[in-house]
Amino acid sequence: MTAAPKLVESKSVESRPVEIKSAAPIRVLLVEDQTMLRGALAALLNLEPDITVIAQATNGHEALKLARLHAPDVVITDIEMPERTGLELADDLKQIGSGPHVIILTTFARPGYLRRALDAGAHGYLLKDSPASELAEAVRRVNAGLRAIDPALAAEAWGAEQDPLSDRERQILHRAGEGRSSVEIAAELHLSEGTVRNYLSEAIAKLGAANRIDAARIARERGWL
């Protein structure tokens, strides 16, 4: 006999109940570079009868490969990780036909990050200090095609200052903020050194910064980097 569906209420932006059917469990790919935290999250999610963690990754590059291999329903990812950030991963997954829904799980309670996450195609944005029950609920919501976002942070995001940086300026400024030289950045992104310097000059001017390091600091503080 098929069990009756149950309803899950939510505190997220779209708070209408979600019908959860007792079919196959929701398949989750978990992406987190901190081993202990990743293990704890996987253990908690696997306690849910309708959720199973099918794979784990330590960075965005590895996660993209695993997503193509396992075709998860939902990807839960941190933002700051080696090789590729969670936001870059979300944008990559958006390009996959019938790709997984993405939940950003982060410490960054900044409107700029939320706006970028939504622009990248993420359906959920939760903070790491949220209760475990809220993460499980978010998995169910995004799997159903809904959003799972803290309402206070969402309201703040839409009233926040717009990000003036282009994607390329952001890529270059992020690397400059890590201390890489124009030559190193140019080699990594397959650009000329002059082009890298031009992008940095544009970013510095847009942010009213004194130099590239100051520009990276300002952008990071506002959640644009």
N, C-alpha and C. Protein backbone atom coordinates (compact mmCIF):
# COMPACT_ATOMS: atom_id res chain seq x y z
N MET A 1 0.85 -1.19 0.00
CA MET A 1 0.00 0.00 0.00
C MET A 1 0.88 1.24 0.00
N THR A 2 0.53 2.21 -0.81
CA THR A 2 1.33 3.44 -0.88
C THR A 2 0.99 4.35 0.27
N ALA A 3 2.02 4.84 0.98
CA ALA A 3 1.79 5.72 2.12
C ALA A 3 1.24 7.05 1.65
N ALA A 4 0.40 7.67 2.50
CA ALA A 4 -0.15 8.97 2.14
C ALA A 4 0.95 10.01 2.14
N PRO A 5 0.89 10.99 1.22
CA PRO A 5 1.91 12.02 1.19
C PRO A 5 1.86 12.88 2.44
N LYS A 6 2.99 13.42 2.83
CA LYS A 6 3.03 14.29 4.00
C LYS A 6 3.38 15.70 3.56
N LEU A 7 3.03 16.66 4.38
CA LEU A 7 3.27 18.06 4.06
C LEU A 7 4.39 18.60 4.91
N VAL A 8 5.24 19.42 4.31
CA VAL A 8 6.36 20.05 5.01
C VAL A 8 6.17 21.55 4.96
N GLU A 9 6.05 22.21 6.08
CA GLU A 9 5.94 23.65 6.11
C GLU A 9 7.32 24.25 6.10
N SER A 10 7.42 25.51 5.68
CA SER A 10 8.74 26.13 5.54
C SER A 10 8.72 27.56 6.03
N LYS A 11 9.89 28.02 6.49
CA LYS A 11 10.07 29.41 6.89
C LYS A 11 10.78 30.20 5.79
N SER A 12 10.96 29.58 4.64
CA SER A 12 11.68 30.23 3.56
C SER A 12 10.77 31.20 2.84
N VAL A 13 11.30 31.85 1.79
CA VAL A 13 10.57 32.89 1.07
C VAL A 13 9.25 32.35 0.56
N GLU A 14 9.25 31.19 -0.08
CA GLU A 14 8.02 30.57 -0.54
C GLU A 14 7.58 29.60 0.53
N SER A 15 6.63 29.97 1.35
CA SER A 15 6.34 29.23 2.57
C SER A 15 5.15 28.29 2.44
N ARG A 16 4.58 28.14 1.24
CA ARG A 16 3.46 27.22 1.12
C ARG A 16 3.96 25.79 1.33
N PRO A 17 3.10 24.90 1.85
CA PRO A 17 3.53 23.53 2.12
C PRO A 17 3.98 22.81 0.85
N VAL A 18 4.90 21.89 1.03
CA VAL A 18 5.42 21.09 -0.07
C VAL A 18 4.94 19.66 0.11
N GLU A 19 4.36 19.08 -0.93
CA GLU A 19 3.92 17.70 -0.86
C GLU A 19 5.10 16.79 -1.10
N ILE A 20 5.41 15.95 -0.12
CA ILE A 20 6.55 15.03 -0.22
C ILE A 20 6.01 13.62 -0.39
N LYS A 21 6.30 13.01 -1.51
CA LYS A 21 5.79 11.67 -1.78
C LYS A 21 6.82 10.62 -1.37
N SER A 22 6.34 9.48 -0.97
CA SER A 22 7.21 8.42 -0.47
C SER A 22 7.72 7.54 -1.60
N ALA A 23 8.24 8.15 -2.64
CA ALA A 23 8.82 7.39 -3.74
C ALA A 23 10.30 7.18 -3.44
N ALA A 24 11.14 7.15 -4.50
CA ALA A 24 12.57 6.97 -4.27
C ALA A 24 13.12 8.14 -3.47
N PRO A 25 14.13 7.92 -2.63
CA PRO A 25 14.70 9.01 -1.84
C PRO A 25 15.34 10.08 -2.72
N ILE A 26 15.40 11.29 -2.20
CA ILE A 26 16.05 12.41 -2.90
C ILE A 26 17.55 12.19 -2.84
N ARG A 27 18.18 12.19 -3.99
CA ARG A 27 19.61 11.87 -4.10
C ARG A 27 20.42 13.17 -4.03
N VAL A 28 21.33 13.25 -3.06
CA VAL A 28 22.06 14.48 -2.77
C VAL A 28 23.55 14.32 -3.00
N LEU A 29 24.15 15.30 -3.65
CA LEU A 29 25.61 15.44 -3.75
C LEU A 29 26.02 16.54 -2.79
N LEU A 30 26.92 16.23 -1.87
CA LEU A 30 27.36 17.16 -0.83
C LEU A 30 28.76 17.67 -1.15
N VAL A 31 28.92 19.00 -1.20
CA VAL A 31 30.21 19.60 -1.58
C VAL A 31 30.67 20.52 -0.46
N GLU A 32 31.76 20.14 0.20
CA GLU A 32 32.29 20.89 1.34
C GLU A 32 33.75 20.52 1.52
N ASP A 33 34.63 21.51 1.64
CA ASP A 33 36.06 21.21 1.72
C ASP A 33 36.52 20.87 3.13
N GLN A 34 35.70 21.11 4.15
CA GLN A 34 36.06 20.76 5.52
C GLN A 34 35.56 19.34 5.82
N THR A 35 36.49 18.43 6.02
CA THR A 35 36.16 17.01 6.12
C THR A 35 35.19 16.70 7.27
N MET A 36 35.44 17.26 8.44
CA MET A 36 34.61 16.96 9.59
C MET A 36 33.18 17.46 9.39
N LEU A 37 33.06 18.68 8.88
CA LEU A 37 31.73 19.25 8.65
C LEU A 37 31.00 18.45 7.58
N ARG A 38 31.70 18.10 6.51
CA ARG A 38 31.07 17.34 5.44
C ARG A 38 30.55 16.00 5.95
N GLY A 39 31.35 15.33 6.78
CA GLY A 39 30.93 14.05 7.33
C GLY A 39 29.71 14.19 8.24
N ALA A 40 29.69 15.26 9.04
CA ALA A 40 28.57 15.48 9.95
C ALA A 40 27.28 15.77 9.17
N LEU A 41 27.39 16.59 8.13
CA LEU A 41 26.22 16.91 7.31
C LEU A 41 25.68 15.66 6.62
N ALA A 42 26.58 14.85 6.10
CA ALA A 42 26.16 13.62 5.42
C ALA A 42 25.44 12.69 6.39
N ALA A 43 25.98 12.57 7.59
CA ALA A 43 25.36 11.69 8.59
C ALA A 43 23.96 12.17 8.96
N LEU A 44 23.82 13.49 9.14
CA LEU A 44 22.52 14.04 9.51
C LEU A 44 21.50 13.86 8.39
N LEU A 45 21.91 14.13 7.17
CA LEU A 45 20.97 14.00 6.05
C LEU A 45 20.57 12.54 5.83
N ASN A 46 21.50 11.63 6.03
CA ASN A 46 21.19 10.21 5.83
C ASN A 46 20.25 9.65 6.89
N LEU A 47 20.03 10.41 7.97
CA LEU A 47 19.05 9.99 8.97
C LEU A 47 17.62 10.23 8.49
N GLU A 48 17.47 11.09 7.48
CA GLU A 48 16.14 11.38 6.94
C GLU A 48 15.69 10.21 6.05
N PRO A 49 14.47 9.72 6.23
CA PRO A 49 14.03 8.54 5.47
C PRO A 49 13.88 8.78 3.97
N ASP A 50 13.72 10.05 3.57
CA ASP A 50 13.48 10.34 2.15
C ASP A 50 14.66 11.03 1.48
N ILE A 51 15.84 11.04 2.14
CA ILE A 51 17.03 11.70 1.60
C ILE A 51 18.22 10.76 1.72
N THR A 52 19.04 10.69 0.68
CA THR A 52 20.26 9.90 0.76
C THR A 52 21.41 10.66 0.09
N VAL A 53 22.55 10.72 0.75
CA VAL A 53 23.74 11.36 0.19
C VAL A 53 24.46 10.32 -0.65
N ILE A 54 24.46 10.52 -1.96
CA ILE A 54 25.02 9.51 -2.88
C ILE A 54 26.49 9.75 -3.18
N ALA A 55 26.98 10.99 -2.96
CA ALA A 55 28.39 11.29 -3.24
C ALA A 55 28.80 12.54 -2.49
N GLN A 56 30.11 12.66 -2.25
CA GLN A 56 30.66 13.82 -1.56
C GLN A 56 31.88 14.34 -2.32
N ALA A 57 32.06 15.66 -2.34
CA ALA A 57 33.19 16.27 -3.03
C ALA A 57 33.81 17.33 -2.14
N THR A 58 35.09 17.62 -2.40
CA THR A 58 35.81 18.60 -1.59
C THR A 58 35.99 19.94 -2.30
N ASN A 59 35.65 19.99 -3.60
CA ASN A 59 35.77 21.26 -4.33
C ASN A 59 34.82 21.25 -5.52
N GLY A 60 34.66 22.42 -6.14
CA GLY A 60 33.71 22.54 -7.23
C GLY A 60 34.08 21.75 -8.46
N HIS A 61 35.36 21.62 -8.74
CA HIS A 61 35.80 20.87 -9.92
C HIS A 61 35.44 19.40 -9.78
N GLU A 62 35.74 18.83 -8.62
CA GLU A 62 35.40 17.43 -8.37
C GLU A 62 33.88 17.24 -8.37
N ALA A 63 33.17 18.22 -7.81
CA ALA A 63 31.72 18.12 -7.72
C ALA A 63 31.07 18.08 -9.10
N LEU A 64 31.59 18.86 -10.03
CA LEU A 64 31.03 18.89 -11.38
C LEU A 64 31.17 17.52 -12.03
N LYS A 65 32.30 16.88 -11.84
CA LYS A 65 32.50 15.53 -12.39
C LYS A 65 31.52 14.54 -11.77
N LEU A 66 31.36 14.62 -10.45
CA LEU A 66 30.46 13.69 -9.76
C LEU A 66 29.00 13.94 -10.14
N ALA A 67 28.66 15.20 -10.37
CA ALA A 67 27.28 15.52 -10.77
C ALA A 67 26.97 14.91 -12.13
N ARG A 68 27.93 14.96 -13.04
CA ARG A 68 27.72 14.36 -14.36
C ARG A 68 27.68 12.84 -14.28
N LEU A 69 28.43 12.27 -13.34
CA LEU A 69 28.49 10.83 -13.20
C LEU A 69 27.25 10.25 -12.53
N HIS A 70 26.78 10.91 -11.44
CA HIS A 70 25.72 10.35 -10.62
C HIS A 70 24.35 10.98 -10.85
N ALA A 71 24.28 12.14 -11.52
CA ALA A 71 23.01 12.83 -11.78
C ALA A 71 22.17 12.98 -10.51
N PRO A 72 22.68 13.68 -9.48
CA PRO A 72 21.92 13.86 -8.25
C PRO A 72 20.69 14.74 -8.47
N ASP A 73 19.74 14.64 -7.55
CA ASP A 73 18.57 15.52 -7.60
C ASP A 73 18.90 16.90 -7.06
N VAL A 74 19.72 16.92 -5.99
CA VAL A 74 20.06 18.17 -5.30
C VAL A 74 21.55 18.19 -5.00
N VAL A 75 22.16 19.36 -5.19
CA VAL A 75 23.56 19.57 -4.82
C VAL A 75 23.60 20.60 -3.70
N ILE A 76 24.23 20.26 -2.59
CA ILE A 76 24.43 21.19 -1.48
C ILE A 76 25.90 21.57 -1.49
N THR A 77 26.20 22.86 -1.60
CA THR A 77 27.59 23.28 -1.73
C THR A 77 27.92 24.52 -0.92
N ASP A 78 29.14 24.54 -0.43
CA ASP A 78 29.69 25.74 0.21
C ASP A 78 30.04 26.74 -0.88
N ILE A 79 30.38 27.98 -0.51
CA ILE A 79 30.81 28.97 -1.49
C ILE A 79 32.32 28.94 -1.66
N GLU A 80 33.05 29.22 -0.60
CA GLU A 80 34.51 29.31 -0.68
C GLU A 80 35.14 27.93 -0.62
N MET A 81 35.68 27.49 -1.76
CA MET A 81 36.34 26.18 -1.84
C MET A 81 37.50 26.28 -2.81
N PRO A 82 38.44 25.34 -2.73
CA PRO A 82 39.55 25.34 -3.69
C PRO A 82 39.05 25.06 -5.11
N GLU A 83 39.84 25.52 -6.09
CA GLU A 83 39.65 25.25 -7.52
C GLU A 83 38.44 25.95 -8.13
N ARG A 84 37.24 25.64 -7.67
CA ARG A 84 36.05 26.34 -8.15
C ARG A 84 35.14 26.62 -6.97
N THR A 85 34.58 27.84 -6.93
CA THR A 85 33.69 28.19 -5.82
C THR A 85 32.33 27.54 -6.02
N GLY A 86 31.53 27.57 -4.98
CA GLY A 86 30.18 27.04 -5.08
C GLY A 86 29.32 27.82 -6.05
N LEU A 87 29.57 29.12 -6.18
CA LEU A 87 28.81 29.93 -7.12
C LEU A 87 29.17 29.58 -8.55
N GLU A 88 30.45 29.34 -8.81
CA GLU A 88 30.87 28.90 -10.14
C GLU A 88 30.29 27.52 -10.45
N LEU A 89 30.26 26.66 -9.44
CA LEU A 89 29.69 25.33 -9.62
C LEU A 89 28.21 25.43 -9.98
N ALA A 90 27.47 26.28 -9.25
CA ALA A 90 26.04 26.45 -9.53
C ALA A 90 25.81 26.91 -10.96
N ASP A 91 26.64 27.83 -11.42
CA ASP A 91 26.51 28.32 -12.78
C ASP A 91 26.82 27.21 -13.79
N ASP A 92 27.82 26.39 -13.50
CA ASP A 92 28.15 25.26 -14.38
C ASP A 92 26.99 24.26 -14.44
N LEU A 93 26.41 23.96 -13.29
CA LEU A 93 25.32 22.98 -13.24
C LEU A 93 24.08 23.49 -13.95
N LYS A 94 23.93 24.81 -13.99
CA LYS A 94 22.78 25.39 -14.69
C LYS A 94 22.82 25.08 -16.18
N GLN A 95 24.03 24.86 -16.69
CA GLN A 95 24.18 24.59 -18.12
C GLN A 95 23.86 23.15 -18.48
N ILE A 96 23.76 22.28 -17.47
CA ILE A 96 23.47 20.87 -17.73
C ILE A 96 21.96 20.71 -17.92
N GLY A 97 21.55 20.08 -19.00
CA GLY A 97 20.13 19.85 -19.23
C GLY A 97 19.54 18.99 -18.12
N SER A 98 18.40 19.43 -17.58
CA SER A 98 17.76 18.71 -16.46
C SER A 98 18.74 18.51 -15.32
N GLY A 99 19.58 19.52 -15.07
CA GLY A 99 20.58 19.42 -14.01
C GLY A 99 19.97 19.46 -12.63
N PRO A 100 20.77 19.22 -11.60
CA PRO A 100 20.27 19.20 -10.22
C PRO A 100 19.95 20.60 -9.71
N HIS A 101 19.08 20.65 -8.72
CA HIS A 101 18.82 21.90 -8.01
C HIS A 101 19.95 22.13 -7.01
N VAL A 102 20.31 23.39 -6.80
CA VAL A 102 21.47 23.72 -5.97
C VAL A 102 21.04 24.48 -4.72
N ILE A 103 21.60 24.06 -3.59
CA ILE A 103 21.46 24.79 -2.33
C ILE A 103 22.84 25.27 -1.91
N ILE A 104 22.98 26.57 -1.69
CA ILE A 104 24.22 27.13 -1.15
C ILE A 104 24.14 27.09 0.37
N LEU A 105 25.12 26.46 0.99
CA LEU A 105 25.21 26.37 2.45
C LEU A 105 26.49 27.05 2.88
N THR A 106 26.39 28.19 3.55
CA THR A 106 27.55 29.04 3.77
C THR A 106 27.50 29.79 5.09
N THR A 107 28.61 30.42 5.43
CA THR A 107 28.65 31.31 6.60
C THR A 107 28.37 32.76 6.20
N PHE A 108 28.30 33.03 4.89
CA PHE A 108 28.18 34.40 4.41
C PHE A 108 26.73 34.88 4.41
N ALA A 109 26.36 35.64 5.44
CA ALA A 109 25.02 36.21 5.51
C ALA A 109 25.03 37.60 4.88
N ARG A 110 25.42 37.64 3.61
CA ARG A 110 25.55 38.93 2.92
C ARG A 110 24.66 38.95 1.70
N PRO A 111 23.91 40.04 1.50
CA PRO A 111 22.99 40.12 0.38
C PRO A 111 23.66 39.94 -0.97
N GLY A 112 24.90 40.43 -1.11
CA GLY A 112 25.58 40.30 -2.39
C GLY A 112 25.79 38.86 -2.80
N TYR A 113 26.14 38.01 -1.83
CA TYR A 113 26.33 36.60 -2.13
C TYR A 113 25.00 35.94 -2.52
N LEU A 114 23.93 36.30 -1.83
CA LEU A 114 22.63 35.72 -2.14
C LEU A 114 22.21 36.10 -3.56
N ARG A 115 22.36 37.35 -3.93
CA ARG A 115 21.99 37.78 -5.28
C ARG A 115 22.79 37.03 -6.33
N ARG A 116 24.08 36.86 -6.09
CA ARG A 116 24.92 36.13 -7.05
C ARG A 116 24.53 34.66 -7.11
N ALA A 117 24.16 34.09 -5.96
CA ALA A 117 23.75 32.69 -5.95
C ALA A 117 22.49 32.49 -6.78
N LEU A 118 21.53 33.39 -6.62
CA LEU A 118 20.30 33.27 -7.39
C LEU A 118 20.55 33.50 -8.88
N ASP A 119 21.42 34.45 -9.18
CA ASP A 119 21.78 34.69 -10.58
C ASP A 119 22.45 33.46 -11.20
N ALA A 120 23.18 32.72 -10.38
CA ALA A 120 23.88 31.52 -10.85
C ALA A 120 22.94 30.32 -10.98
N GLY A 121 21.70 30.48 -10.54
CA GLY A 121 20.73 29.41 -10.68
C GLY A 121 20.43 28.62 -9.42
N ALA A 122 20.98 29.03 -8.27
CA ALA A 122 20.71 28.31 -7.02
C ALA A 122 19.24 28.48 -6.62
N HIS A 123 18.67 27.44 -6.04
CA HIS A 123 17.30 27.47 -5.55
C HIS A 123 17.24 27.69 -4.04
N GLY A 124 18.36 27.43 -3.36
CA GLY A 124 18.37 27.58 -1.91
C GLY A 124 19.61 28.30 -1.43
N TYR A 125 19.47 29.01 -0.30
CA TYR A 125 20.60 29.71 0.31
C TYR A 125 20.39 29.67 1.82
N LEU A 126 21.20 28.85 2.49
CA LEU A 126 21.08 28.67 3.93
C LEU A 126 22.41 28.95 4.61
N LEU A 127 22.33 29.33 5.87
CA LEU A 127 23.54 29.57 6.66
C LEU A 127 23.90 28.32 7.45
N LYS A 128 25.18 28.15 7.69
CA LYS A 128 25.65 26.93 8.35
C LYS A 128 25.21 26.82 9.80
N ASP A 129 24.75 27.91 10.39
CA ASP A 129 24.27 27.81 11.77
C ASP A 129 22.77 27.52 11.83
N SER A 130 22.16 27.21 10.68
CA SER A 130 20.75 26.83 10.65
C SER A 130 20.58 25.44 11.25
N PRO A 131 19.42 25.14 11.85
CA PRO A 131 19.18 23.79 12.37
C PRO A 131 19.22 22.76 11.25
N ALA A 132 19.62 21.55 11.59
CA ALA A 132 19.70 20.47 10.60
C ALA A 132 18.35 20.19 9.96
N SER A 133 17.27 20.37 10.73
CA SER A 133 15.93 20.12 10.20
C SER A 133 15.60 21.07 9.06
N GLU A 134 16.13 22.30 9.13
CA GLU A 134 15.88 23.26 8.06
C GLU A 134 16.62 22.89 6.78
N LEU A 135 17.78 22.29 6.91
CA LEU A 135 18.51 21.84 5.72
C LEU A 135 17.76 20.70 5.03
N ALA A 136 17.26 19.76 5.81
CA ALA A 136 16.50 18.65 5.23
C ALA A 136 15.24 19.18 4.56
N GLU A 137 14.58 20.12 5.18
CA GLU A 137 13.38 20.71 4.61
C GLU A 137 13.71 21.45 3.32
N ALA A 138 14.86 22.14 3.30
CA ALA A 138 15.29 22.85 2.11
C ALA A 138 15.53 21.89 0.95
N VAL A 139 16.10 20.73 1.25
CA VAL A 139 16.33 19.72 0.21
C VAL A 139 14.99 19.32 -0.41
N ARG A 140 13.98 19.12 0.40
CA ARG A 140 12.67 18.72 -0.11
C ARG A 140 12.06 19.84 -0.96
N ARG A 141 12.22 21.05 -0.50
CA ARG A 141 11.62 22.18 -1.22
C ARG A 141 12.26 22.37 -2.60
N VAL A 142 13.56 22.42 -2.65
CA VAL A 142 14.21 22.68 -3.94
C VAL A 142 14.01 21.50 -4.88
N ASN A 143 13.92 20.29 -4.33
CA ASN A 143 13.65 19.13 -5.17
C ASN A 143 12.27 19.22 -5.81
N ALA A 144 11.37 19.94 -5.13
CA ALA A 144 10.02 20.14 -5.65
C ALA A 144 9.94 21.37 -6.56
N GLY A 145 11.10 22.02 -6.79
CA GLY A 145 11.12 23.17 -7.69
C GLY A 145 10.86 24.49 -7.01
N LEU A 146 10.85 24.52 -5.68
CA LEU A 146 10.62 25.75 -4.93
C LEU A 146 11.94 26.30 -4.41
N ARG A 147 11.87 27.44 -3.74
CA ARG A 147 13.07 28.05 -3.16
C ARG A 147 13.10 27.84 -1.65
N ALA A 148 14.31 27.87 -1.10
CA ALA A 148 14.51 27.75 0.35
C ALA A 148 15.53 28.80 0.76
N ILE A 149 15.03 29.98 1.12
CA ILE A 149 15.90 31.12 1.41
C ILE A 149 15.40 31.82 2.66
N ASP A 150 16.33 32.20 3.51
CA ASP A 150 15.96 32.94 4.71
C ASP A 150 15.26 34.24 4.32
N PRO A 151 14.03 34.49 4.79
CA PRO A 151 13.27 35.66 4.33
C PRO A 151 13.92 37.00 4.70
N ALA A 152 14.56 37.07 5.87
CA ALA A 152 15.19 38.32 6.28
C ALA A 152 16.37 38.66 5.37
N LEU A 153 17.16 37.64 5.04
CA LEU A 153 18.29 37.86 4.15
C LEU A 153 17.83 38.20 2.74
N ALA A 154 16.75 37.56 2.30
CA ALA A 154 16.22 37.84 0.97
C ALA A 154 15.73 39.29 0.87
N ALA A 155 15.02 39.75 1.89
CA ALA A 155 14.51 41.12 1.88
C ALA A 155 15.67 42.12 1.86
N GLU A 156 16.71 41.82 2.61
CA GLU A 156 17.88 42.69 2.64
C GLU A 156 18.59 42.71 1.29
N ALA A 157 18.61 41.55 0.63
CA ALA A 157 19.32 41.44 -0.65
C ALA A 157 18.70 42.32 -1.72
N TRP A 158 17.38 42.35 -1.78
CA TRP A 158 16.75 43.11 -2.86
C TRP A 158 16.83 44.62 -2.63
N GLY A 159 17.16 45.03 -1.41
CA GLY A 159 17.34 46.45 -1.17
C GLY A 159 18.80 46.87 -1.15
N ALA A 160 19.69 45.91 -1.41
CA ALA A 160 21.13 46.18 -1.32
C ALA A 160 21.65 46.83 -2.60
N GLU A 161 22.83 47.41 -2.47
CA GLU A 161 23.50 48.02 -3.62
C GLU A 161 23.81 46.98 -4.68
N GLN A 162 23.62 47.35 -5.94
CA GLN A 162 23.87 46.43 -7.04
C GLN A 162 25.37 46.19 -7.23
N ASP A 163 25.70 44.98 -7.59
CA ASP A 163 27.09 44.60 -7.88
C ASP A 163 27.50 45.21 -9.23
N PRO A 164 28.51 46.08 -9.25
CA PRO A 164 28.90 46.73 -10.51
C PRO A 164 29.90 45.92 -11.33
N LEU A 165 30.43 44.83 -10.78
CA LEU A 165 31.50 44.09 -11.44
C LEU A 165 30.96 43.13 -12.50
N SER A 166 31.72 42.98 -13.57
CA SER A 166 31.40 41.96 -14.56
C SER A 166 31.96 40.62 -14.08
N ASP A 167 31.53 39.53 -14.70
CA ASP A 167 32.04 38.22 -14.31
C ASP A 167 33.55 38.14 -14.46
N ARG A 168 34.08 38.67 -15.55
CA ARG A 168 35.53 38.61 -15.77
C ARG A 168 36.27 39.47 -14.76
N GLU A 169 35.76 40.65 -14.46
CA GLU A 169 36.39 41.50 -13.44
C GLU A 169 36.39 40.80 -12.10
N ARG A 170 35.31 40.10 -11.81
CA ARG A 170 35.22 39.39 -10.53
C ARG A 170 36.23 38.25 -10.48
N GLN A 171 36.36 37.50 -11.56
CA GLN A 171 37.34 36.41 -11.60
C GLN A 171 38.76 36.91 -11.36
N ILE A 172 39.09 37.99 -12.04
CA ILE A 172 40.45 38.53 -11.95
C ILE A 172 40.70 39.17 -10.59
N LEU A 173 39.72 39.90 -10.09
CA LEU A 173 39.89 40.57 -8.80
C LEU A 173 39.99 39.54 -7.67
N HIS A 174 39.24 38.47 -7.79
CA HIS A 174 39.31 37.40 -6.78
C HIS A 174 40.73 36.85 -6.68
N ARG A 175 41.34 36.62 -7.82
CA ARG A 175 42.70 36.07 -7.85
C ARG A 175 43.72 37.10 -7.39
N ALA A 176 43.50 38.36 -7.76
CA ALA A 176 44.40 39.42 -7.31
C ALA A 176 44.34 39.57 -5.79
N GLY A 177 43.15 39.42 -5.24
CA GLY A 177 42.99 39.50 -3.79
C GLY A 177 43.68 38.39 -3.05
N GLU A 178 43.93 37.28 -3.74
CA GLU A 178 44.67 36.16 -3.14
C GLU A 178 46.18 36.36 -3.27
N GLY A 179 46.59 37.48 -3.89
CA GLY A 179 48.01 37.79 -3.99
C GLY A 179 48.67 37.37 -5.29
N ARG A 180 47.91 36.92 -6.26
CA ARG A 180 48.51 36.50 -7.53
C ARG A 180 48.85 37.72 -8.39
N SER A 181 49.93 37.62 -9.12
CA SER A 181 50.37 38.71 -9.98
C SER A 181 49.57 38.72 -11.27
N SER A 182 49.67 39.82 -12.02
CA SER A 182 48.98 39.92 -13.31
C SER A 182 49.46 38.84 -14.27
N VAL A 183 50.75 38.52 -14.20
CA VAL A 183 51.31 37.48 -15.07
C VAL A 183 50.69 36.13 -14.74
N GLU A 184 50.57 35.79 -13.47
CA GLU A 184 49.99 34.52 -13.05
C GLU A 184 48.51 34.43 -13.43
N ILE A 185 47.80 35.53 -13.23
CA ILE A 185 46.37 35.55 -13.56
C ILE A 185 46.17 35.39 -15.06
N ALA A 186 47.00 36.08 -15.83
CA ALA A 186 46.91 36.01 -17.29
C ALA A 186 47.13 34.57 -17.77
N ALA A 187 48.12 33.91 -17.21
CA ALA A 187 48.42 32.53 -17.61
C ALA A 187 47.27 31.59 -17.25
N GLU A 188 46.70 31.78 -16.08
CA GLU A 188 45.63 30.89 -15.63
C GLU A 188 44.36 31.07 -16.45
N LEU A 189 44.04 32.32 -16.81
CA LEU A 189 42.79 32.59 -17.52
C LEU A 189 42.98 32.71 -19.03
N HIS A 190 44.20 32.46 -19.50
CA HIS A 190 44.51 32.51 -20.94
C HIS A 190 44.21 33.88 -21.54
N LEU A 191 44.68 34.91 -20.84
CA LEU A 191 44.54 36.29 -21.29
C LEU A 191 45.92 36.92 -21.38
N SER A 192 46.02 38.06 -22.04
CA SER A 192 47.28 38.80 -22.04
C SER A 192 47.41 39.55 -20.72
N GLU A 193 48.65 39.85 -20.35
CA GLU A 193 48.88 40.59 -19.11
C GLU A 193 48.23 41.96 -19.18
N GLY A 194 48.28 42.60 -20.36
CA GLY A 194 47.66 43.91 -20.52
C GLY A 194 46.16 43.87 -20.31
N THR A 195 45.53 42.79 -20.79
CA THR A 195 44.08 42.64 -20.62
C THR A 195 43.73 42.50 -19.14
N VAL A 196 44.52 41.73 -18.43
CA VAL A 196 44.29 41.56 -16.99
C VAL A 196 44.40 42.90 -16.27
N ARG A 197 45.42 43.67 -16.62
CA ARG A 197 45.59 44.97 -15.97
C ARG A 197 44.44 45.91 -16.29
N ASN A 198 43.92 45.83 -17.50
CA ASN A 198 42.78 46.68 -17.87
C ASN A 198 41.54 46.31 -17.06
N TYR A 199 41.29 45.01 -16.89
CA TYR A 199 40.15 44.58 -16.08
C TYR A 199 40.31 45.03 -14.63
N LEU A 200 41.52 44.92 -14.11
CA LEU A 200 41.77 45.34 -12.73
C LEU A 200 41.55 46.84 -12.58
N SER A 201 42.00 47.62 -13.55
CA SER A 201 41.81 49.07 -13.51
C SER A 201 40.33 49.44 -13.51
N GLU A 202 39.55 48.71 -14.33
CA GLU A 202 38.11 48.95 -14.38
C GLU A 202 37.46 48.64 -13.04
N ALA A 203 37.85 47.51 -12.45
CA ALA A 203 37.27 47.11 -11.17
C ALA A 203 37.64 48.11 -10.07
N ILE A 204 38.88 48.54 -10.06
CA ILE A 204 39.33 49.51 -9.05
C ILE A 204 38.55 50.81 -9.18
N ALA A 205 38.33 51.26 -10.42
CA ALA A 205 37.60 52.50 -10.65
C ALA A 205 36.14 52.37 -10.23
N LYS A 206 35.51 51.26 -10.57
CA LYS A 206 34.10 51.05 -10.21
C LYS A 206 33.88 51.06 -8.71
N LEU A 207 34.85 50.51 -7.98
CA LEU A 207 34.71 50.39 -6.53
C LEU A 207 35.28 51.58 -5.77
N GLY A 208 35.91 52.52 -6.49
CA GLY A 208 36.52 53.66 -5.83
C GLY A 208 37.64 53.26 -4.89
N ALA A 209 38.37 52.24 -5.29
CA ALA A 209 39.42 51.68 -4.42
C ALA A 209 40.78 52.32 -4.71
N ALA A 210 41.69 52.15 -3.78
CA ALA A 210 43.04 52.72 -3.94
C ALA A 210 43.91 51.84 -4.82
N ASN A 211 43.70 50.52 -4.77
CA ASN A 211 44.52 49.58 -5.53
C ASN A 211 43.77 48.25 -5.62
N ARG A 212 44.40 47.26 -6.22
CA ARG A 212 43.72 45.97 -6.42
C ARG A 212 43.39 45.27 -5.12
N ILE A 213 44.26 45.36 -4.14
CA ILE A 213 44.01 44.72 -2.85
C ILE A 213 42.84 45.39 -2.14
N ASP A 214 42.82 46.71 -2.19
CA ASP A 214 41.71 47.46 -1.59
C ASP A 214 40.40 47.14 -2.32
N ALA A 215 40.46 47.01 -3.64
CA ALA A 215 39.27 46.68 -4.42
C ALA A 215 38.73 45.31 -4.05
N ALA A 216 39.64 44.34 -3.88
CA ALA A 216 39.23 43.00 -3.49
C ALA A 216 38.59 43.01 -2.11
N ARG A 217 39.15 43.80 -1.20
CA ARG A 217 38.58 43.90 0.15
C ARG A 217 37.17 44.47 0.12
N ILE A 218 36.97 45.55 -0.63
CA ILE A 218 35.66 46.18 -0.72
C ILE A 218 34.64 45.22 -1.32
N ALA A 219 35.02 44.56 -2.40
CA ALA A 219 34.11 43.64 -3.06
C ALA A 219 33.75 42.47 -2.17
N ARG A 220 34.73 41.98 -1.42
CA ARG A 220 34.47 40.84 -0.53
C ARG A 220 33.55 41.23 0.61
N GLU A 221 33.75 42.40 1.16
CA GLU A 221 32.91 42.88 2.26
C GLU A 221 31.45 43.03 1.84
N ARG A 222 31.23 43.37 0.58
CA ARG A 222 29.88 43.58 0.07
C ARG A 222 29.27 42.32 -0.54
N GLY A 223 30.04 41.23 -0.49
CA GLY A 223 29.52 39.97 -1.02
C GLY A 223 29.56 39.87 -2.52
N TRP A 224 30.41 40.64 -3.17
CA TRP A 224 30.48 40.64 -4.63
C TRP A 224 31.64 39.78 -5.15
N LEU A 225 32.44 39.26 -4.25
CA LEU A 225 33.62 38.51 -4.69
C LEU A 225 33.57 37.09 -4.13
